[in-house]
Amino acid sequence: MKANHGHNRIGFISTRLAGTDGVSLETQKWDDILTRLGFQCFYFAGECDRPADRSHVVPEAHFKYPDIQAVNDDLFDDYVRSPETSVMVQKIRDYLKQKIYSFIRQFDINLLIVENALAIPMNVPLGLALTEVIAETNMPTIAHHHDFTWERQRFSVNAAQDYLQAAFPPLLPSISHVVINSFGARQLARRTGISGTLIPNVMNFKDEPPEETKLSQELRAALNIPPNQEILLQPTRIVPRKRIELAIELCHRLDRNCILLITHTSGDEGTAYEKYLRQYADILGVEVIFGCDIINHRRGNLPNGRRVFSLADAYHIANLVTYPSTIEGFGNAFLESIYYRCPIVISMYEIFKTDIHPKGFRVIGFENFISDETVRLTRHILEHPEYGAEMASHNYKIGQRYYSFQTLEKQLAILMNQCF
């Protein structure tokens, strides 16, 4: 389907559309494909690294905005909220609602794609504002759900049930709901009665990844990693459900000249877990490099002139990827590892076990802990790189078949046709 000339202006809305988090990266892929189909894409977020002439940045939409953090502190981890919090929620909701209307008018938006902001309550006023705007305009909307409230323990005790039932997610006739895994589809239907379309995350497997360049190798030097030191790559945010301590344990038990490189920041759950990882690594005598200061989703330069390397550069210099998560909505880091032809040590989290592994991928998988067999197989791959290369080549072909841009393009074309 090519865009109809009168219905071709799409507005992406999220709390943040910037950096290397899974939602931002997946949004960019949808953007690329929809642009190829003839649509024009625009962006509304609290933080945005998209073209400025197509962006409407509203700081209050970000989950780290001080008033939003204050609201979250009172809404979650308790069953009672203060009257002041209720007033604050309504005030910010009304403000964001007017900003969303301004965004729609400014860019003459025909369809909204809401990225996770109607699924997980990182910014409750934003979800409420979006729900009201959609209800008042009946605008065709795709709610792209990556994580749900019920999947995060930190939201299980809350004083926001009225808000959650109203907007996370809302049941409105003009909204088409999209989920990224079969478990999410089942839970969405069971808990809300909403039917969701399953569209998994993808990578551009049609185009081979760019070859390793001199700049990729400069990343080693920038991180002070000697040429003979093996790199285990942890390409995720630093949050407890990623179980990065198991990657540190694996490094220790391999008893090789290796380091663990973590690419992302601490994210939205504070810095206590990062502090714990630093202490744990010291106890085990494992060298861990936190590379988020100079690794982003694309190359560039910091204001001080220091070079910023891409996530692709990090994959190019890695000997192996570690992915010991206990919960994932899908697993972008898994697809990236397959795309960049890296062998991977992975926890058999539920979505991987049910939706992904049955496709035929070859990995070093483990359940709840790092076993002796996990260590043995990992050491074998490091000692025999040709075995890891064979595994990676096999996985790339499977990725091409099931998780390519071509697959997503067909699904989005059908979805757009339904919405319009």
Protein backbone atom coordinates (compact mmCIF):
# COMPACT_ATOMS: atom_id res chain seq x y z
CA MET A 1 0.00 0.00 0.00
CA LYS A 2 1.23 3.47 -0.91
CA ALA A 3 0.02 6.45 1.08
CA ASN A 4 -3.15 8.18 -0.06
CA HIS A 5 -2.26 11.80 -0.74
CA GLY A 6 -4.97 13.01 1.65
CA HIS A 7 -4.04 10.58 4.44
CA ASN A 8 -0.29 10.50 4.65
CA ARG A 9 0.78 12.52 7.70
CA ILE A 10 1.62 10.40 10.72
CA GLY A 11 2.37 11.68 14.21
CA PHE A 12 4.54 9.50 16.46
CA ILE A 13 3.96 10.23 20.16
CA SER A 14 6.04 8.94 23.07
CA THR A 15 7.67 10.08 26.29
CA ARG A 16 11.09 9.87 24.61
CA LEU A 17 12.18 9.36 21.01
CA ALA A 18 15.94 9.51 21.43
CA GLY A 19 18.90 7.29 22.16
CA THR A 20 19.33 3.52 22.20
CA ASP A 21 16.33 2.29 24.17
CA GLY A 22 14.22 -0.36 22.42
CA VAL A 23 11.15 1.84 21.91
CA SER A 24 13.13 4.62 20.22
CA LEU A 25 15.03 2.21 18.00
CA GLU A 26 11.91 0.31 16.94
CA THR A 27 10.08 3.57 16.26
CA GLN A 28 12.85 4.53 13.84
CA LYS A 29 12.35 1.27 11.93
CA TRP A 30 8.62 1.92 11.58
CA ASP A 31 9.44 5.46 10.50
CA ASP A 32 11.84 4.20 7.79
CA ILE A 33 9.29 1.77 6.36
CA LEU A 34 6.32 4.15 6.51
CA THR A 35 8.42 6.81 4.76
CA ARG A 36 9.21 4.27 2.06
CA LEU A 37 5.47 3.63 1.71
CA GLY A 38 4.92 7.33 1.04
CA PHE A 39 3.89 8.63 4.48
CA GLN A 40 5.33 11.72 6.14
CA CYS A 41 6.31 11.24 9.79
CA PHE A 42 6.32 13.79 12.62
CA TYR A 43 7.22 13.48 16.30
CA PHE A 44 5.87 14.54 19.69
CA ALA A 45 7.93 13.66 22.77
CA GLY A 46 9.55 14.98 25.93
CA GLU A 47 12.96 14.31 24.36
CA CYS A 48 13.51 13.89 20.65
CA ASP A 49 16.51 13.47 18.36
CA ARG A 50 14.49 13.42 15.12
CA PRO A 51 14.65 16.34 12.62
CA ALA A 52 13.76 19.56 14.45
CA ASP A 53 11.49 20.81 11.67
CA ARG A 54 9.29 17.72 12.14
CA SER A 55 9.39 17.58 15.94
CA HIS A 56 7.25 19.05 18.70
CA VAL A 57 9.20 18.71 21.95
CA VAL A 58 7.29 19.18 25.22
CA PRO A 59 9.46 18.58 28.32
CA GLU A 60 6.40 17.68 30.44
CA ALA A 61 5.89 14.60 28.24
CA HIS A 62 9.15 13.08 29.50
CA PHE A 63 9.01 10.60 32.38
CA LYS A 64 12.01 12.36 33.96
CA TYR A 65 10.33 15.76 34.10
CA PRO A 66 10.41 16.77 37.80
CA ASP A 67 6.63 17.12 38.21
CA ILE A 68 6.09 13.72 36.55
CA GLN A 69 8.63 12.10 38.85
CA ALA A 70 6.89 13.66 41.85
CA VAL A 71 3.54 12.31 40.62
CA ASN A 72 5.00 8.83 40.11
CA ASP A 73 6.52 8.84 43.60
CA ASP A 74 3.04 9.31 45.07
CA LEU A 75 1.09 7.10 42.66
CA PHE A 76 3.22 3.97 42.91
CA ASP A 77 4.39 1.78 45.79
CA ASP A 78 1.37 2.87 47.88
CA TYR A 79 -2.41 2.43 47.78
CA VAL A 80 -3.33 6.03 48.64
CA ARG A 81 -2.49 9.22 46.78
CA SER A 82 -2.74 12.76 48.04
CA PRO A 83 -5.32 15.27 46.78
CA GLU A 84 -2.42 17.43 45.64
CA THR A 85 -1.23 14.63 43.34
CA SER A 86 -4.69 14.31 41.79
CA VAL A 87 -4.73 18.05 41.13
CA MET A 88 -1.23 17.88 39.63
CA VAL A 89 -2.21 14.98 37.34
CA GLN A 90 -5.23 16.89 36.03
CA LYS A 91 -3.23 20.08 35.56
CA ILE A 92 -0.47 18.39 33.55
CA ARG A 93 -3.03 16.33 31.61
CA ASP A 94 -4.84 19.49 30.51
CA TYR A 95 -1.57 21.15 29.53
CA LEU A 96 -0.37 18.13 27.52
CA LYS A 97 -3.76 17.78 25.89
CA GLN A 98 -3.49 21.30 24.46
CA LYS A 99 0.06 20.59 23.30
CA ILE A 100 -1.08 17.43 21.50
CA TYR A 101 -3.81 19.41 19.75
CA SER A 102 -1.19 21.99 18.74
CA PHE A 103 1.01 19.21 17.36
CA ILE A 104 -1.88 17.80 15.30
CA ARG A 105 -2.73 21.23 13.91
CA GLN A 106 0.88 22.27 13.29
CA PHE A 107 1.65 19.26 11.10
CA ASP A 108 -1.88 18.46 9.87
CA ILE A 109 -1.67 14.95 11.32
CA ASN A 110 -4.05 12.29 9.91
CA LEU A 111 -3.04 9.34 12.09
CA LEU A 112 -1.30 8.91 15.46
CA ILE A 113 1.12 6.15 16.39
CA VAL A 114 1.55 6.10 20.16
CA GLU A 115 4.75 4.35 21.19
CA ASN A 116 4.26 2.70 24.60
CA ALA A 117 2.69 5.82 26.15
CA LEU A 118 -0.68 4.03 26.36
CA ALA A 119 0.79 0.79 27.67
CA ILE A 120 3.09 1.49 30.61
CA PRO A 121 2.42 4.41 33.00
CA MET A 122 5.76 6.16 32.86
CA ASN A 123 3.84 9.41 32.37
CA VAL A 124 0.25 9.08 33.59
CA PRO A 125 -0.89 12.60 32.56
CA LEU A 126 0.36 11.98 29.01
CA GLY A 127 -1.64 8.75 28.74
CA LEU A 128 -4.76 10.46 30.04
CA ALA A 129 -4.30 13.42 27.70
CA LEU A 130 -3.84 11.15 24.69
CA THR A 131 -6.93 9.13 25.58
CA GLU A 132 -9.08 12.28 25.76
CA VAL A 133 -7.72 13.68 22.49
CA ILE A 134 -8.40 10.40 20.68
CA ALA A 135 -11.89 10.17 22.20
CA GLU A 136 -12.69 13.75 21.18
CA THR A 137 -11.34 13.55 17.63
CA ASN A 138 -11.95 9.87 16.78
CA MET A 139 -8.56 10.11 15.06
CA PRO A 140 -7.23 6.83 13.64
CA THR A 141 -4.57 5.69 16.12
CA ILE A 142 -2.15 2.81 16.38
CA ALA A 143 -1.21 2.08 19.98
CA HIS A 144 2.14 0.26 19.72
CA HIS A 145 2.59 -1.55 23.03
CA HIS A 146 6.09 -2.71 24.01
CA ASP A 147 5.57 -3.24 27.78
CA PHE A 148 2.43 -3.40 29.90
CA THR A 149 1.79 -2.24 33.46
CA TRP A 150 1.17 -5.78 34.68
CA GLU A 151 4.60 -6.88 33.41
CA ARG A 152 6.47 -4.55 35.79
CA GLN A 153 6.63 -5.33 39.49
CA ARG A 154 7.20 -1.68 40.41
CA PHE A 155 3.65 -0.81 39.29
CA SER A 156 1.88 -3.68 41.08
CA VAL A 157 1.20 -1.60 44.23
CA ASN A 158 -0.35 1.69 43.19
CA ALA A 159 -2.89 4.41 43.89
CA ALA A 160 -3.64 4.90 40.20
CA GLN A 161 -6.11 2.15 39.27
CA ASP A 162 -8.62 4.69 37.96
CA TYR A 163 -5.97 6.16 35.68
CA LEU A 164 -4.64 2.76 34.58
CA GLN A 165 -8.08 1.46 33.66
CA ALA A 166 -8.86 4.63 31.73
CA ALA A 167 -5.72 4.95 29.65
CA PHE A 168 -3.25 2.03 29.97
CA PRO A 169 -4.50 0.95 27.52
CA PRO A 170 -7.77 2.68 26.61
CA LEU A 171 -10.61 0.92 24.83
CA LEU A 172 -11.70 3.29 22.05
CA PRO A 173 -13.10 2.42 18.61
CA SER A 174 -10.53 4.39 16.61
CA ILE A 175 -7.50 2.71 18.26
CA SER A 176 -5.80 -0.30 16.67
CA HIS A 177 -3.65 -2.08 19.26
CA VAL A 178 -0.32 -3.64 18.28
CA VAL A 179 1.71 -5.95 20.55
CA ILE A 180 5.19 -7.34 20.01
CA ASN A 181 4.74 -10.86 21.39
CA SER A 182 2.08 -13.55 21.71
CA PHE A 183 2.06 -13.42 25.51
CA GLY A 184 1.22 -9.71 25.36
CA ALA A 185 -1.63 -10.43 22.94
CA ARG A 186 -3.10 -13.07 25.25
CA GLN A 187 -2.77 -10.92 28.36
CA LEU A 188 -4.22 -7.86 26.63
CA ALA A 189 -7.28 -9.86 25.59
CA ARG A 190 -7.70 -11.56 28.98
CA ARG A 191 -7.27 -8.43 31.10
CA THR A 192 -9.03 -5.83 28.95
CA GLY A 193 -11.02 -7.60 26.25
CA ILE A 194 -8.92 -5.79 23.63
CA SER A 195 -7.75 -7.69 20.56
CA GLY A 196 -4.19 -6.88 19.56
CA THR A 197 -2.32 -7.39 16.28
CA LEU A 198 1.01 -9.19 16.74
CA ILE A 199 3.90 -7.43 14.98
CA PRO A 200 7.31 -8.52 16.29
CA ASN A 201 10.41 -6.33 16.30
CA VAL A 202 12.59 -6.50 13.20
CA MET A 203 16.00 -5.71 11.73
CA ASN A 204 16.94 -4.77 8.18
CA PHE A 205 18.26 -8.21 7.26
CA LYS A 206 17.97 -7.46 3.54
CA ASP A 207 20.95 -5.09 3.79
CA GLU A 208 24.09 -6.64 5.21
CA PRO A 209 25.44 -4.81 8.28
CA PRO A 210 28.22 -2.32 7.51
CA GLU A 211 31.64 -3.87 7.66
CA GLU A 212 33.95 -3.22 10.57
CA THR A 213 35.90 -0.02 9.96
CA LYS A 214 38.97 1.64 11.38
CA LEU A 215 36.58 3.72 13.48
CA SER A 216 35.12 0.57 15.06
CA GLN A 217 38.59 -0.45 16.17
CA GLU A 218 39.17 3.05 17.53
CA LEU A 219 36.40 2.29 20.01
CA ARG A 220 38.74 -0.25 21.62
CA ALA A 221 41.38 2.42 22.08
CA ALA A 222 38.82 4.93 23.35
CA LEU A 223 37.77 2.42 26.02
CA ASN A 224 41.39 1.39 26.77
CA ILE A 225 40.78 -2.24 25.78
CA PRO A 226 44.01 -3.98 24.65
CA PRO A 227 43.91 -5.77 21.25
CA ASN A 228 44.36 -9.21 22.85
CA GLN A 229 41.52 -8.83 25.37
CA GLU A 230 38.24 -10.57 24.57
CA ILE A 231 35.04 -8.51 24.79
CA LEU A 232 31.76 -9.85 26.13
CA LEU A 233 29.12 -7.30 25.12
CA GLN A 234 26.05 -6.49 27.26
CA PRO A 235 24.02 -4.26 24.87
CA THR A 236 21.19 -3.34 27.25
CA ARG A 237 20.08 -0.73 29.74
CA ILE A 238 21.29 -1.19 33.32
CA VAL A 239 18.08 -2.30 35.04
CA PRO A 240 17.61 -5.27 37.41
CA ARG A 241 15.51 -7.41 35.04
CA LYS A 242 18.52 -7.58 32.68
CA ARG A 243 20.36 -9.65 35.36
CA ILE A 244 23.73 -8.25 34.33
CA GLU A 245 25.28 -9.80 37.44
CA LEU A 246 25.04 -13.16 35.62
CA ALA A 247 27.13 -11.74 32.77
CA ILE A 248 29.70 -10.63 35.35
CA GLU A 249 29.66 -14.11 36.90
CA LEU A 250 30.17 -15.68 33.46
CA CYS A 251 33.19 -13.43 32.83
CA HIS A 252 34.65 -14.52 36.15
CA ARG A 253 34.09 -18.23 35.60
CA LEU A 254 35.50 -18.23 32.06
CA ASP A 255 38.91 -17.54 33.59
CA ARG A 256 40.09 -15.82 30.40
CA ASN A 257 41.52 -12.44 29.50
CA CYS A 258 38.13 -10.84 28.92
CA ILE A 259 36.08 -7.82 29.94
CA LEU A 260 32.37 -7.04 30.02
CA LEU A 261 31.32 -3.97 28.03
CA ILE A 262 27.92 -2.46 28.91
CA THR A 263 26.64 -0.05 26.27
CA HIS A 264 23.56 1.63 27.77
CA THR A 265 22.70 3.88 30.71
CA SER A 266 20.85 3.07 33.92
CA GLY A 267 17.59 4.19 32.32
CA ASP A 268 14.43 4.93 34.26
CA GLU A 269 14.92 2.85 37.42
CA GLY A 270 17.63 4.76 39.27
CA THR A 271 21.34 4.08 39.80
CA ALA A 272 21.29 1.68 42.76
CA TYR A 273 21.56 -1.37 40.50
CA GLU A 274 24.56 0.08 38.67
CA LYS A 275 26.26 0.68 42.02
CA TYR A 276 25.59 -2.93 42.99
CA LEU A 277 27.07 -4.19 39.69
CA ARG A 278 30.24 -2.16 40.22
CA GLN A 279 30.64 -3.61 43.71
CA TYR A 280 29.88 -7.15 42.54
CA ALA A 281 32.44 -6.89 39.73
CA ASP A 282 35.06 -5.68 42.21
CA ILE A 283 34.36 -8.63 44.49
CA LEU A 284 34.78 -11.12 41.62
CA GLY A 285 37.74 -9.29 40.11
CA VAL A 286 35.98 -8.76 36.76
CA GLU A 287 36.72 -5.73 34.63
CA VAL A 288 33.48 -4.05 33.58
CA ILE A 289 33.42 -1.04 31.26
CA PHE A 290 30.39 1.25 31.29
CA GLY A 291 30.50 2.71 27.78
CA CYS A 292 27.32 4.77 27.59
CA ASP A 293 29.22 8.07 27.59
CA ILE A 294 30.68 7.40 24.14
CA ILE A 295 28.29 4.80 22.64
CA ASN A 296 24.99 5.84 21.09
CA HIS A 297 22.77 4.55 18.28
CA ARG A 298 24.68 6.63 15.73
CA ARG A 299 28.16 8.16 15.45
CA GLY A 300 28.80 11.77 16.28
CA ASN A 301 30.71 14.09 18.59
CA LEU A 302 30.13 15.41 22.09
CA PRO A 303 30.13 19.19 22.72
CA ASN A 304 33.71 18.86 24.00
CA GLY A 305 34.76 17.28 20.70
CA ARG A 306 35.06 13.74 22.03
CA ARG A 307 33.98 11.12 19.49
CA VAL A 308 30.75 9.19 19.98
CA PHE A 309 30.66 5.68 18.53
CA SER A 310 27.64 3.74 17.31
CA LEU A 311 26.04 0.64 18.79
CA ALA A 312 27.14 -1.09 15.57
CA ASP A 313 30.77 -0.30 16.44
CA ALA A 314 30.30 -2.04 19.79
CA TYR A 315 28.91 -5.15 18.12
CA HIS A 316 31.78 -5.19 15.62
CA ILE A 317 34.43 -5.40 18.34
CA ALA A 318 32.55 -7.97 20.46
CA ASN A 319 33.61 -11.61 20.63
CA LEU A 320 30.32 -12.65 22.16
CA VAL A 321 27.05 -11.12 23.39
CA THR A 322 25.56 -11.75 26.84
CA TYR A 323 21.79 -11.41 27.29
CA PRO A 324 20.76 -12.87 30.67
CA SER A 325 17.43 -11.01 31.02
CA THR A 326 14.67 -12.53 33.11
CA ILE A 327 11.89 -10.57 31.31
CA GLU A 328 11.79 -8.98 27.86
CA GLY A 329 8.93 -7.63 25.80
CA PHE A 330 10.63 -9.04 22.73
CA GLY A 331 14.41 -8.73 22.75
CA ASN A 332 15.94 -6.08 20.50
CA ALA A 333 19.43 -6.96 21.69
CA PHE A 334 18.88 -10.52 20.49
CA LEU A 335 17.93 -9.37 16.98
CA GLU A 336 20.86 -6.93 16.90
CA SER A 337 23.23 -9.75 17.87
CA ILE A 338 21.86 -11.90 15.06
CA TYR A 339 22.11 -9.02 12.58
CA TYR A 340 25.73 -8.25 13.47
CA ARG A 341 26.56 -11.98 13.42
CA CYS A 342 27.58 -12.31 17.05
CA PRO A 343 27.23 -15.60 18.94
CA ILE A 344 25.05 -15.11 22.00
CA VAL A 345 24.65 -16.45 25.53
CA ILE A 346 21.01 -15.92 26.44
CA SER A 347 18.56 -16.59 29.23
CA MET A 348 15.54 -18.56 28.03
CA TYR A 349 13.09 -15.85 29.06
CA GLU A 350 9.45 -16.58 28.31
CA ILE A 351 9.03 -14.66 25.05
CA PHE A 352 12.27 -16.04 23.65
CA LYS A 353 11.24 -19.55 24.58
CA THR A 354 7.73 -19.34 23.11
CA ASP A 355 7.98 -16.92 20.15
CA ILE A 356 11.61 -16.81 18.98
CA HIS A 357 13.63 -19.95 19.77
CA PRO A 358 11.21 -22.33 17.99
CA LYS A 359 12.10 -20.61 14.68
CA GLY A 360 15.39 -22.54 14.79
CA PHE A 361 17.96 -20.12 16.24
CA ARG A 362 21.17 -21.62 17.67
CA VAL A 363 22.27 -20.05 20.96
CA ILE A 364 23.93 -20.88 24.26
CA GLY A 365 20.79 -20.87 26.35
CA PHE A 366 20.35 -21.22 30.09
CA GLU A 367 17.41 -21.08 32.46
CA ASN A 368 17.82 -19.57 35.93
CA PHE A 369 21.57 -19.57 36.52
CA ILE A 370 24.95 -19.92 34.83
CA SER A 371 25.69 -23.64 34.81
CA ASP A 372 29.00 -25.43 34.20
CA GLU A 373 27.69 -26.33 30.74
CA THR A 374 27.00 -22.66 29.97
CA VAL A 375 30.59 -21.82 30.90
CA ARG A 376 31.97 -24.77 28.89
CA LEU A 377 30.06 -23.85 25.71
CA THR A 378 30.96 -20.17 26.01
CA ARG A 379 34.63 -20.97 26.46
CA HIS A 380 34.46 -23.30 23.43
CA ILE A 381 33.15 -20.49 21.22
CA LEU A 382 35.86 -18.09 22.40
CA GLU A 383 38.55 -20.72 21.81
CA HIS A 384 37.11 -21.70 18.41
CA PRO A 385 35.78 -18.55 16.70
CA GLU A 386 34.91 -20.53 13.57
CA TYR A 387 32.23 -22.37 15.55
CA GLY A 388 30.71 -19.08 16.68
CA ALA A 389 30.85 -17.75 13.10
CA GLU A 390 28.97 -20.80 11.82
CA MET A 391 26.33 -20.37 14.52
CA ALA A 392 25.99 -16.66 13.70
CA SER A 393 25.65 -17.30 9.95
CA HIS A 394 22.87 -19.83 10.57
CA ASN A 395 21.03 -17.38 12.82
CA TYR A 396 21.29 -14.57 10.26
CA LYS A 397 19.43 -16.68 7.68
CA ILE A 398 16.66 -17.43 10.20
CA GLY A 399 16.44 -13.72 11.01
CA GLN A 400 16.08 -12.90 7.32
CA ARG A 401 13.15 -15.28 7.06
CA TYR A 402 11.12 -14.17 10.08
CA TYR A 403 12.23 -10.72 11.30
CA SER A 404 13.06 -8.64 8.24
CA PHE A 405 11.94 -5.17 7.15
CA GLN A 406 10.05 -6.86 4.30
CA THR A 407 7.88 -8.73 6.81
CA LEU A 408 7.17 -5.52 8.73
CA GLU A 409 6.39 -3.61 5.53
CA LYS A 410 3.65 -6.07 4.60
CA GLN A 411 2.14 -5.91 8.08
CA LEU A 412 2.23 -2.10 8.23
CA ALA A 413 0.66 -1.79 4.79
CA ILE A 414 -2.28 -3.92 5.95
CA LEU A 415 -2.53 -1.97 9.20
CA MET A 416 -2.53 1.40 7.45
CA ASN A 417 -5.23 0.22 5.07
CA GLN A 418 -7.40 -0.82 8.01
CA CYS A 419 -6.87 2.45 9.87
CA PHE A 420 -7.79 4.65 6.90
